[in-house]
Amino acid sequence: MTDVLLYHHIQGLTDGVRAFADELREAGHTVHSPDLFEGRTFPSIEDGFAYAKEVGFEELGERGVAAAQEYGTDLVYAGFSFGVAIAQQLAQTRSGARGALFMYSCLPASEFGAWPAGLPVQIHGKEGDEYFDEDLPAARELTESESNAELFVYPGGQHLFADSSLDAYDPQAAALLMERAKAFLAGLG
């Protein structure tokens, strides 16, 4: 079906991120989920942020871009929060992208030039999430300017709501996100 390059969030490649990737695999997709934190996971967003700041966001971004070199160019770039920045950069700048799947974040397309014409994107976040609220204007702008762009805003305020290993997990919203993501990926096949 579809090859997906999935970047984890600021708490690392958690069991919940792995479970999300596994569910996409069970649906027939090939999912690559590089561990940019080299095996480290963190109990909170703040702890993960402190680690990322210590290592350097630029260094972590370079790790993410380097990881993409291991796989072809015929990929869907996906990310959770922190991982969206890398996924979005690659989707916008690496030729051959098939689509983009952004959870909990979306940067202005102008960060990486212009959105590639016709590139499908799906964006998911919660309406009361303080982190996603900052990105919601960029997500709306992208979906209003591109015919192949979809924005799904869920009720509630949890940030990492589709990660089943975290307290922020919202089973109903996560199931709906997964259903929509599977449909999106199946439509690209």
N, C-alpha and C. Protein backbone atom coordinates (compact mmCIF):
# COMPACT_ATOMS: atom_id res chain seq x y z
N MET A 1 0.84 -1.19 0.00
CA MET A 1 0.00 0.00 0.00
C MET A 1 0.88 1.25 0.00
N THR A 2 1.02 1.90 1.14
CA THR A 2 1.73 3.17 1.19
C THR A 2 2.93 3.07 2.13
N ASP A 3 4.04 3.70 1.75
CA ASP A 3 5.21 3.80 2.63
C ASP A 3 5.10 5.11 3.42
N VAL A 4 5.22 4.99 4.74
CA VAL A 4 5.08 6.15 5.63
C VAL A 4 6.35 6.30 6.44
N LEU A 5 6.85 7.51 6.53
CA LEU A 5 7.96 7.85 7.41
C LEU A 5 7.38 8.67 8.54
N LEU A 6 7.33 8.07 9.74
CA LEU A 6 6.61 8.64 10.89
C LEU A 6 7.60 9.10 11.96
N TYR A 7 7.55 10.39 12.28
CA TYR A 7 8.43 10.98 13.29
C TYR A 7 7.69 11.15 14.61
N HIS A 8 8.36 10.74 15.68
CA HIS A 8 7.76 10.78 17.02
C HIS A 8 7.67 12.20 17.58
N HIS A 9 6.99 12.30 18.70
CA HIS A 9 6.82 13.59 19.40
C HIS A 9 7.95 13.83 20.40
N ILE A 10 7.83 14.90 21.16
CA ILE A 10 8.90 15.38 22.05
C ILE A 10 9.17 14.44 23.23
N GLN A 11 8.27 13.51 23.50
CA GLN A 11 8.53 12.55 24.59
C GLN A 11 9.24 11.31 24.08
N GLY A 12 9.52 11.26 22.80
CA GLY A 12 10.31 10.18 22.23
C GLY A 12 9.47 9.14 21.51
N LEU A 13 10.14 8.08 21.11
CA LEU A 13 9.49 6.97 20.42
C LEU A 13 8.86 6.07 21.48
N THR A 14 7.74 6.51 21.99
CA THR A 14 7.05 5.83 23.10
C THR A 14 6.34 4.57 22.61
N ASP A 15 5.89 3.78 23.56
CA ASP A 15 5.10 2.60 23.21
C ASP A 15 3.84 2.98 22.46
N GLY A 16 3.27 4.14 22.78
CA GLY A 16 2.07 4.59 22.09
C GLY A 16 2.33 4.97 20.63
N VAL A 17 3.46 5.58 20.36
CA VAL A 17 3.84 5.89 18.97
C VAL A 17 4.09 4.58 18.22
N ARG A 18 4.77 3.64 18.87
CA ARG A 18 5.01 2.34 18.25
C ARG A 18 3.68 1.62 17.95
N ALA A 19 2.73 1.72 18.88
CA ALA A 19 1.43 1.08 18.67
C ALA A 19 0.68 1.72 17.50
N PHE A 20 0.78 3.04 17.37
CA PHE A 20 0.16 3.74 16.26
C PHE A 20 0.75 3.24 14.94
N ALA A 21 2.08 3.16 14.89
CA ALA A 21 2.76 2.66 13.68
C ALA A 21 2.36 1.23 13.39
N ASP A 22 2.27 0.41 14.42
CA ASP A 22 1.87 -0.99 14.24
C ASP A 22 0.46 -1.11 13.67
N GLU A 23 -0.44 -0.24 14.13
CA GLU A 23 -1.81 -0.30 13.61
C GLU A 23 -1.85 0.07 12.13
N LEU A 24 -1.04 1.01 11.72
CA LEU A 24 -0.96 1.33 10.29
C LEU A 24 -0.35 0.17 9.51
N ARG A 25 0.62 -0.50 10.10
CA ARG A 25 1.21 -1.68 9.45
C ARG A 25 0.16 -2.78 9.28
N GLU A 26 -0.66 -2.98 10.31
CA GLU A 26 -1.71 -4.00 10.24
C GLU A 26 -2.71 -3.69 9.12
N ALA A 27 -2.83 -2.41 8.77
CA ALA A 27 -3.72 -2.01 7.68
C ALA A 27 -3.04 -2.17 6.31
N GLY A 28 -1.80 -2.67 6.31
CA GLY A 28 -1.12 -2.95 5.05
C GLY A 28 -0.06 -1.96 4.63
N HIS A 29 0.20 -0.94 5.43
CA HIS A 29 1.18 0.08 5.08
C HIS A 29 2.56 -0.30 5.62
N THR A 30 3.58 0.19 4.97
CA THR A 30 4.94 0.07 5.48
C THR A 30 5.24 1.34 6.25
N VAL A 31 5.59 1.21 7.52
CA VAL A 31 5.82 2.38 8.36
C VAL A 31 7.23 2.32 8.93
N HIS A 32 7.98 3.38 8.69
CA HIS A 32 9.33 3.54 9.24
C HIS A 32 9.22 4.59 10.35
N SER A 33 9.72 4.28 11.52
CA SER A 33 9.62 5.23 12.64
C SER A 33 10.98 5.38 13.30
N PRO A 34 11.83 6.24 12.75
CA PRO A 34 13.17 6.42 13.30
C PRO A 34 13.11 7.00 14.72
N ASP A 35 14.06 6.58 15.53
CA ASP A 35 14.15 7.05 16.91
C ASP A 35 15.20 8.16 16.98
N LEU A 36 14.76 9.39 16.94
CA LEU A 36 15.67 10.53 16.94
C LEU A 36 16.29 10.79 18.30
N PHE A 37 15.72 10.19 19.35
CA PHE A 37 16.23 10.38 20.71
C PHE A 37 17.09 9.20 21.17
N GLU A 38 17.43 8.31 20.25
CA GLU A 38 18.36 7.20 20.52
C GLU A 38 17.95 6.38 21.74
N GLY A 39 16.68 5.98 21.77
CA GLY A 39 16.20 5.11 22.83
C GLY A 39 15.65 5.80 24.06
N ARG A 40 15.78 7.10 24.14
CA ARG A 40 15.29 7.82 25.31
C ARG A 40 13.82 8.20 25.12
N THR A 41 13.06 8.03 26.18
CA THR A 41 11.69 8.56 26.25
C THR A 41 11.58 9.36 27.53
N PHE A 42 10.59 10.25 27.58
CA PHE A 42 10.49 11.17 28.71
C PHE A 42 9.08 11.17 29.28
N PRO A 43 8.97 11.32 30.61
CA PRO A 43 7.67 11.25 31.26
C PRO A 43 6.78 12.48 31.03
N SER A 44 7.36 13.56 30.53
CA SER A 44 6.57 14.77 30.31
C SER A 44 7.08 15.52 29.08
N ILE A 45 6.22 16.40 28.58
CA ILE A 45 6.60 17.26 27.47
C ILE A 45 7.79 18.14 27.88
N GLU A 46 7.74 18.64 29.10
CA GLU A 46 8.81 19.52 29.59
C GLU A 46 10.16 18.79 29.63
N ASP A 47 10.16 17.53 30.09
CA ASP A 47 11.40 16.76 30.13
C ASP A 47 11.93 16.49 28.73
N GLY A 48 11.03 16.16 27.81
CA GLY A 48 11.44 15.92 26.43
C GLY A 48 11.98 17.19 25.80
N PHE A 49 11.34 18.31 26.09
CA PHE A 49 11.80 19.59 25.56
C PHE A 49 13.18 19.93 26.09
N ALA A 50 13.42 19.67 27.39
CA ALA A 50 14.73 19.95 27.98
C ALA A 50 15.81 19.12 27.28
N TYR A 51 15.49 17.86 27.01
CA TYR A 51 16.45 17.00 26.30
C TYR A 51 16.71 17.54 24.89
N ALA A 52 15.66 17.89 24.18
CA ALA A 52 15.81 18.41 22.82
C ALA A 52 16.62 19.70 22.80
N LYS A 53 16.41 20.52 23.81
CA LYS A 53 17.16 21.77 23.89
C LYS A 53 18.64 21.48 24.16
N GLU A 54 18.90 20.48 25.01
CA GLU A 54 20.28 20.10 25.33
C GLU A 54 21.00 19.56 24.10
N VAL A 55 20.35 18.67 23.36
CA VAL A 55 20.95 18.10 22.16
C VAL A 55 21.01 19.13 21.04
N GLY A 56 19.96 19.93 20.96
CA GLY A 56 19.84 20.95 19.92
C GLY A 56 18.77 20.57 18.91
N PHE A 57 17.81 21.46 18.73
CA PHE A 57 16.73 21.19 17.79
C PHE A 57 17.26 21.02 16.37
N GLU A 58 18.30 21.79 16.05
CA GLU A 58 18.89 21.69 14.70
C GLU A 58 19.49 20.29 14.50
N GLU A 59 20.21 19.81 15.50
CA GLU A 59 20.80 18.46 15.43
C GLU A 59 19.71 17.40 15.27
N LEU A 60 18.64 17.51 16.03
CA LEU A 60 17.55 16.54 15.94
C LEU A 60 16.88 16.60 14.57
N GLY A 61 16.72 17.81 14.05
CA GLY A 61 16.18 17.96 12.70
C GLY A 61 17.07 17.32 11.66
N GLU A 62 18.37 17.48 11.82
CA GLU A 62 19.33 16.86 10.89
C GLU A 62 19.25 15.34 10.98
N ARG A 63 19.06 14.81 12.19
CA ARG A 63 18.89 13.36 12.35
C ARG A 63 17.65 12.89 11.58
N GLY A 64 16.59 13.67 11.68
CA GLY A 64 15.35 13.31 10.99
C GLY A 64 15.50 13.31 9.48
N VAL A 65 16.15 14.33 8.97
CA VAL A 65 16.38 14.43 7.52
C VAL A 65 17.30 13.30 7.07
N ALA A 66 18.34 13.01 7.86
CA ALA A 66 19.27 11.93 7.50
C ALA A 66 18.54 10.59 7.49
N ALA A 67 17.63 10.39 8.42
CA ALA A 67 16.87 9.12 8.47
C ALA A 67 16.08 8.92 7.19
N ALA A 68 15.58 10.00 6.62
CA ALA A 68 14.78 9.90 5.39
C ALA A 68 15.61 9.38 4.22
N GLN A 69 16.92 9.58 4.27
CA GLN A 69 17.79 9.13 3.18
C GLN A 69 17.83 7.61 3.06
N GLU A 70 17.47 6.91 4.13
CA GLU A 70 17.49 5.44 4.13
C GLU A 70 16.34 4.84 3.33
N TYR A 71 15.34 5.63 3.06
CA TYR A 71 14.14 5.14 2.38
C TYR A 71 13.99 5.89 1.07
N GLY A 72 13.27 5.36 0.15
CA GLY A 72 13.08 6.02 -1.14
C GLY A 72 12.45 7.39 -0.98
N THR A 73 12.05 7.95 -2.08
CA THR A 73 11.41 9.26 -2.04
C THR A 73 9.90 9.16 -2.15
N ASP A 74 9.39 7.99 -2.45
CA ASP A 74 7.96 7.78 -2.65
C ASP A 74 7.30 7.52 -1.30
N LEU A 75 7.26 8.57 -0.46
CA LEU A 75 6.85 8.43 0.94
C LEU A 75 5.73 9.40 1.31
N VAL A 76 4.98 8.99 2.32
CA VAL A 76 4.11 9.92 3.03
C VAL A 76 4.88 10.31 4.28
N TYR A 77 5.05 11.60 4.50
CA TYR A 77 5.77 12.10 5.67
C TYR A 77 4.76 12.42 6.76
N ALA A 78 4.96 11.79 7.92
CA ALA A 78 4.02 11.94 9.03
C ALA A 78 4.78 12.31 10.29
N GLY A 79 4.11 13.03 11.17
CA GLY A 79 4.75 13.39 12.42
C GLY A 79 3.75 13.72 13.50
N PHE A 80 4.20 13.52 14.72
CA PHE A 80 3.45 13.90 15.92
C PHE A 80 4.13 15.12 16.53
N SER A 81 3.46 16.26 16.58
CA SER A 81 3.93 17.46 17.25
C SER A 81 5.36 17.83 16.84
N PHE A 82 6.34 17.64 17.71
CA PHE A 82 7.74 17.92 17.40
C PHE A 82 8.14 17.31 16.05
N GLY A 83 7.69 16.10 15.77
CA GLY A 83 8.02 15.40 14.54
C GLY A 83 7.40 16.00 13.29
N VAL A 84 6.37 16.83 13.48
CA VAL A 84 5.73 17.46 12.31
C VAL A 84 6.69 18.40 11.61
N ALA A 85 7.52 19.11 12.37
CA ALA A 85 8.45 20.05 11.73
C ALA A 85 9.34 19.33 10.72
N ILE A 86 9.82 18.16 11.07
CA ILE A 86 10.69 17.40 10.17
C ILE A 86 9.86 16.85 9.01
N ALA A 87 8.71 16.27 9.33
CA ALA A 87 7.84 15.71 8.29
C ALA A 87 7.42 16.80 7.30
N GLN A 88 7.07 17.97 7.81
CA GLN A 88 6.63 19.04 6.92
C GLN A 88 7.78 19.55 6.06
N GLN A 89 8.96 19.68 6.65
CA GLN A 89 10.11 20.11 5.86
C GLN A 89 10.35 19.14 4.71
N LEU A 90 10.33 17.85 4.99
CA LEU A 90 10.58 16.85 3.94
C LEU A 90 9.47 16.83 2.91
N ALA A 91 8.22 16.92 3.37
CA ALA A 91 7.09 16.91 2.43
C ALA A 91 7.18 18.08 1.46
N GLN A 92 7.65 19.21 1.95
CA GLN A 92 7.70 20.41 1.12
C GLN A 92 8.97 20.54 0.29
N THR A 93 10.04 19.84 0.68
CA THR A 93 11.31 20.09 0.00
C THR A 93 11.91 18.87 -0.68
N ARG A 94 11.43 17.68 -0.37
CA ARG A 94 12.00 16.47 -0.96
C ARG A 94 11.09 16.00 -2.09
N SER A 95 11.66 15.86 -3.26
CA SER A 95 10.83 15.46 -4.40
C SER A 95 10.30 14.04 -4.20
N GLY A 96 9.15 13.77 -4.77
CA GLY A 96 8.56 12.44 -4.72
C GLY A 96 7.60 12.21 -3.57
N ALA A 97 7.38 13.20 -2.73
CA ALA A 97 6.46 13.02 -1.60
C ALA A 97 5.08 12.64 -2.12
N ARG A 98 4.44 11.70 -1.44
CA ARG A 98 3.09 11.25 -1.83
C ARG A 98 2.02 11.92 -1.00
N GLY A 99 2.38 12.40 0.19
CA GLY A 99 1.40 13.02 1.06
C GLY A 99 2.04 13.38 2.39
N ALA A 100 1.23 14.00 3.25
CA ALA A 100 1.70 14.40 4.57
C ALA A 100 0.57 14.21 5.58
N LEU A 101 0.95 13.75 6.75
CA LEU A 101 0.01 13.48 7.83
C LEU A 101 0.57 14.12 9.10
N PHE A 102 -0.10 15.17 9.57
CA PHE A 102 0.39 15.95 10.70
C PHE A 102 -0.55 15.81 11.89
N MET A 103 -0.01 15.37 13.03
CA MET A 103 -0.77 15.26 14.26
C MET A 103 -0.27 16.28 15.28
N TYR A 104 -1.18 17.12 15.73
CA TYR A 104 -0.98 18.09 16.81
C TYR A 104 -0.16 19.32 16.44
N SER A 105 0.20 19.49 15.18
CA SER A 105 1.03 20.64 14.80
C SER A 105 0.94 20.89 13.31
N CYS A 106 1.24 22.11 12.92
CA CYS A 106 1.37 22.49 11.52
C CYS A 106 2.07 23.84 11.48
N LEU A 107 3.15 23.91 10.76
CA LEU A 107 3.86 25.17 10.62
C LEU A 107 3.33 25.93 9.42
N PRO A 108 3.54 27.24 9.37
CA PRO A 108 3.18 27.95 8.14
C PRO A 108 3.95 27.35 6.96
N ALA A 109 3.28 27.14 5.85
CA ALA A 109 3.94 26.56 4.67
C ALA A 109 5.13 27.40 4.24
N SER A 110 5.09 28.70 4.49
CA SER A 110 6.18 29.58 4.10
C SER A 110 7.50 29.26 4.81
N GLU A 111 7.46 28.51 5.89
CA GLU A 111 8.68 28.10 6.59
C GLU A 111 9.63 27.35 5.65
N PHE A 112 9.05 26.62 4.70
CA PHE A 112 9.84 25.78 3.81
C PHE A 112 9.58 26.12 2.34
N GLY A 113 9.18 27.33 2.07
CA GLY A 113 8.87 27.75 0.70
C GLY A 113 7.38 27.76 0.50
N ALA A 114 6.92 27.06 -0.51
CA ALA A 114 5.49 26.98 -0.79
C ALA A 114 5.06 25.52 -0.68
N TRP A 115 3.77 25.32 -0.40
CA TRP A 115 3.25 23.96 -0.35
C TRP A 115 3.25 23.40 -1.78
N PRO A 116 3.78 22.19 -1.98
CA PRO A 116 3.80 21.62 -3.33
C PRO A 116 2.39 21.44 -3.89
N ALA A 117 2.16 21.93 -5.08
CA ALA A 117 0.84 21.89 -5.71
C ALA A 117 0.33 20.45 -5.77
N GLY A 118 -0.87 20.26 -5.27
CA GLY A 118 -1.52 18.96 -5.35
C GLY A 118 -1.11 17.95 -4.30
N LEU A 119 -0.14 18.27 -3.44
CA LEU A 119 0.30 17.31 -2.42
C LEU A 119 -0.76 17.19 -1.33
N PRO A 120 -1.34 16.00 -1.13
CA PRO A 120 -2.37 15.82 -0.12
C PRO A 120 -1.79 15.92 1.30
N VAL A 121 -2.56 16.53 2.18
CA VAL A 121 -2.16 16.64 3.59
C VAL A 121 -3.40 16.50 4.46
N GLN A 122 -3.20 15.87 5.60
CA GLN A 122 -4.25 15.74 6.60
C GLN A 122 -3.65 16.21 7.93
N ILE A 123 -4.39 17.08 8.63
CA ILE A 123 -3.91 17.68 9.88
C ILE A 123 -4.94 17.39 10.98
N HIS A 124 -4.44 16.98 12.16
CA HIS A 124 -5.30 16.63 13.30
C HIS A 124 -4.83 17.35 14.55
N GLY A 125 -5.77 17.87 15.34
CA GLY A 125 -5.43 18.48 16.62
C GLY A 125 -6.68 18.75 17.44
N LYS A 126 -6.48 19.11 18.68
CA LYS A 126 -7.60 19.40 19.58
C LYS A 126 -7.78 20.91 19.73
N GLU A 127 -9.05 21.31 19.80
CA GLU A 127 -9.38 22.74 19.82
C GLU A 127 -8.90 23.45 21.07
N GLY A 128 -8.74 22.76 22.19
CA GLY A 128 -8.30 23.40 23.42
C GLY A 128 -6.86 23.10 23.78
N ASP A 129 -6.11 22.54 22.87
CA ASP A 129 -4.71 22.19 23.09
C ASP A 129 -3.86 23.46 22.93
N GLU A 130 -3.23 23.87 24.02
CA GLU A 130 -2.47 25.12 23.99
C GLU A 130 -1.37 25.12 22.93
N TYR A 131 -0.78 23.96 22.65
CA TYR A 131 0.27 23.88 21.64
C TYR A 131 -0.32 23.94 20.23
N PHE A 132 -1.38 23.18 20.00
CA PHE A 132 -2.00 23.17 18.68
C PHE A 132 -2.68 24.50 18.37
N ASP A 133 -3.22 25.15 19.40
CA ASP A 133 -3.86 26.45 19.19
C ASP A 133 -2.91 27.44 18.52
N GLU A 134 -1.61 27.36 18.84
CA GLU A 134 -0.62 28.25 18.21
C GLU A 134 -0.48 27.96 16.72
N ASP A 135 -0.69 26.69 16.35
CA ASP A 135 -0.49 26.26 14.97
C ASP A 135 -1.78 26.26 14.15
N LEU A 136 -2.90 26.40 14.81
CA LEU A 136 -4.19 26.32 14.13
C LEU A 136 -4.34 27.33 13.00
N PRO A 137 -3.90 28.58 13.15
CA PRO A 137 -3.99 29.51 12.02
C PRO A 137 -3.22 29.00 10.78
N ALA A 138 -2.04 28.44 10.97
CA ALA A 138 -1.26 27.91 9.84
C ALA A 138 -1.98 26.71 9.22
N ALA A 139 -2.56 25.86 10.07
CA ALA A 139 -3.30 24.70 9.56
C ALA A 139 -4.52 25.15 8.76
N ARG A 140 -5.21 26.14 9.25
CA ARG A 140 -6.39 26.66 8.52
C ARG A 140 -5.99 27.30 7.20
N GLU A 141 -4.91 28.06 7.24
CA GLU A 141 -4.44 28.71 6.01
C GLU A 141 -4.08 27.66 4.95
N LEU A 142 -3.40 26.61 5.37
CA LEU A 142 -3.01 25.57 4.43
C LEU A 142 -4.24 24.86 3.87
N THR A 143 -5.17 24.51 4.72
CA THR A 143 -6.34 23.77 4.24
C THR A 143 -7.28 24.65 3.42
N GLU A 144 -7.27 25.93 3.64
CA GLU A 144 -8.10 26.83 2.84
C GLU A 144 -7.48 27.12 1.48
N SER A 145 -6.16 26.97 1.37
CA SER A 145 -5.49 27.30 0.11
C SER A 145 -5.22 26.08 -0.76
N GLU A 146 -5.36 24.88 -0.22
CA GLU A 146 -5.05 23.67 -0.98
C GLU A 146 -6.28 22.76 -1.04
N SER A 147 -6.63 22.32 -2.23
CA SER A 147 -7.81 21.48 -2.39
C SER A 147 -7.62 20.07 -1.84
N ASN A 148 -6.39 19.60 -1.73
CA ASN A 148 -6.10 18.26 -1.21
C ASN A 148 -5.72 18.28 0.27
N ALA A 149 -6.16 19.30 1.00
CA ALA A 149 -5.81 19.43 2.41
C ALA A 149 -7.05 19.31 3.28
N GLU A 150 -6.92 18.56 4.38
CA GLU A 150 -8.01 18.38 5.32
C GLU A 150 -7.53 18.72 6.73
N LEU A 151 -8.39 19.38 7.48
CA LEU A 151 -8.11 19.72 8.88
C LEU A 151 -9.21 19.13 9.74
N PHE A 152 -8.81 18.37 10.76
CA PHE A 152 -9.75 17.79 11.70
C PHE A 152 -9.42 18.31 13.09
N VAL A 153 -10.39 19.00 13.69
CA VAL A 153 -10.22 19.55 15.03
C VAL A 153 -11.19 18.82 15.95
N TYR A 154 -10.64 18.24 17.01
CA TYR A 154 -11.38 17.42 17.94
C TYR A 154 -11.67 18.20 19.23
N PRO A 155 -12.75 17.89 19.92
CA PRO A 155 -13.00 18.57 21.19
C PRO A 155 -12.03 18.10 22.28
N GLY A 156 -11.71 19.00 23.18
CA GLY A 156 -10.83 18.67 24.30
C GLY A 156 -9.52 19.42 24.21
N GLY A 157 -8.68 19.23 25.22
CA GLY A 157 -7.45 20.00 25.26
C GLY A 157 -6.17 19.18 25.33
N GLN A 158 -6.26 17.85 25.26
CA GLN A 158 -5.05 17.03 25.35
C GLN A 158 -4.19 17.23 24.11
N HIS A 159 -2.89 17.27 24.34
CA HIS A 159 -1.97 17.49 23.22
C HIS A 159 -1.66 16.17 22.50
N LEU A 160 -1.08 15.22 23.17
CA LEU A 160 -0.63 13.97 22.55
C LEU A 160 -1.71 12.90 22.69
N PHE A 161 -2.91 13.21 22.25
CA PHE A 161 -4.09 12.40 22.55
C PHE A 161 -4.17 11.05 21.86
N ALA A 162 -3.37 10.80 20.83
CA ALA A 162 -3.42 9.51 20.14
C ALA A 162 -2.32 8.56 20.61
N ASP A 163 -1.56 8.95 21.63
CA ASP A 163 -0.50 8.10 22.17
C ASP A 163 -1.07 7.32 23.35
N SER A 164 -1.32 6.04 23.13
CA SER A 164 -1.98 5.19 24.13
C SER A 164 -1.13 4.93 25.36
N SER A 165 0.13 5.32 25.35
CA SER A 165 0.99 5.10 26.51
C SER A 165 1.07 6.31 27.43
N LEU A 166 0.36 7.38 27.10
CA LEU A 166 0.43 8.61 27.89
C LEU A 166 -0.91 8.94 28.56
N ASP A 167 -0.84 9.73 29.62
CA ASP A 167 -2.06 10.15 30.32
C ASP A 167 -2.98 10.99 29.43
N ALA A 168 -2.44 11.66 28.43
CA ALA A 168 -3.23 12.51 27.54
C ALA A 168 -4.10 11.70 26.57
N TYR A 169 -3.94 10.40 26.55
CA TYR A 169 -4.64 9.54 25.60
C TYR A 169 -6.15 9.71 25.70
N ASP A 170 -6.79 9.91 24.55
CA ASP A 170 -8.24 10.01 24.43
C ASP A 170 -8.67 8.93 23.45
N PRO A 171 -9.16 7.79 23.95
CA PRO A 171 -9.46 6.65 23.08
C PRO A 171 -10.43 6.96 21.94
N GLN A 172 -11.45 7.77 22.21
CA GLN A 172 -12.43 8.07 21.15
C GLN A 172 -11.82 8.94 20.06
N ALA A 173 -11.15 9.99 20.45
CA ALA A 173 -10.52 10.88 19.46
C ALA A 173 -9.41 10.15 18.72
N ALA A 174 -8.64 9.32 19.45
CA ALA A 174 -7.55 8.57 18.82
C ALA A 174 -8.10 7.59 17.79
N ALA A 175 -9.21 6.93 18.10
CA ALA A 175 -9.80 5.98 17.15
C ALA A 175 -10.28 6.69 15.90
N LEU A 176 -10.87 7.87 16.06
CA LEU A 176 -11.34 8.64 14.92
C LEU A 176 -10.16 9.14 14.08
N LEU A 177 -9.12 9.60 14.74
CA LEU A 177 -7.91 10.03 14.03
C LEU A 177 -7.37 8.85 13.22
N MET A 178 -7.27 7.68 13.84
CA MET A 178 -6.73 6.51 13.15
C MET A 178 -7.61 6.13 11.96
N GLU A 179 -8.90 6.16 12.13
CA GLU A 179 -9.82 5.84 11.02
C GLU A 179 -9.59 6.80 9.85
N ARG A 180 -9.48 8.07 10.16
CA ARG A 180 -9.27 9.07 9.11
C ARG A 180 -7.89 8.93 8.47
N ALA A 181 -6.87 8.65 9.27
CA ALA A 181 -5.52 8.47 8.73
C ALA A 181 -5.46 7.26 7.82
N LYS A 182 -6.09 6.17 8.21
CA LYS A 182 -6.12 4.96 7.36
C LYS A 182 -6.82 5.25 6.05
N ALA A 183 -7.93 5.96 6.10
CA ALA A 183 -8.66 6.30 4.86
C ALA A 183 -7.79 7.19 3.96
N PHE A 184 -7.10 8.14 4.57
CA PHE A 184 -6.21 9.04 3.84
C PHE A 184 -5.12 8.24 3.13
N LEU A 185 -4.46 7.35 3.88
CA LEU A 185 -3.38 6.56 3.31
C LEU A 185 -3.88 5.60 2.24
N ALA A 186 -5.02 5.00 2.48
CA ALA A 186 -5.60 4.07 1.48
C ALA A 186 -5.93 4.81 0.19
N GLY A 187 -6.34 6.07 0.31
CA GLY A 187 -6.66 6.87 -0.88
C GLY A 187 -5.45 7.23 -1.71
N LEU A 188 -4.27 7.13 -1.12
CA LEU A 188 -3.03 7.44 -1.84
C LEU A 188 -2.49 6.23 -2.58
N GLY A 189 -2.96 5.04 -2.18
CA GLY A 189 -2.45 3.79 -2.76
C GLY A 189 -2.99 3.58 -4.12
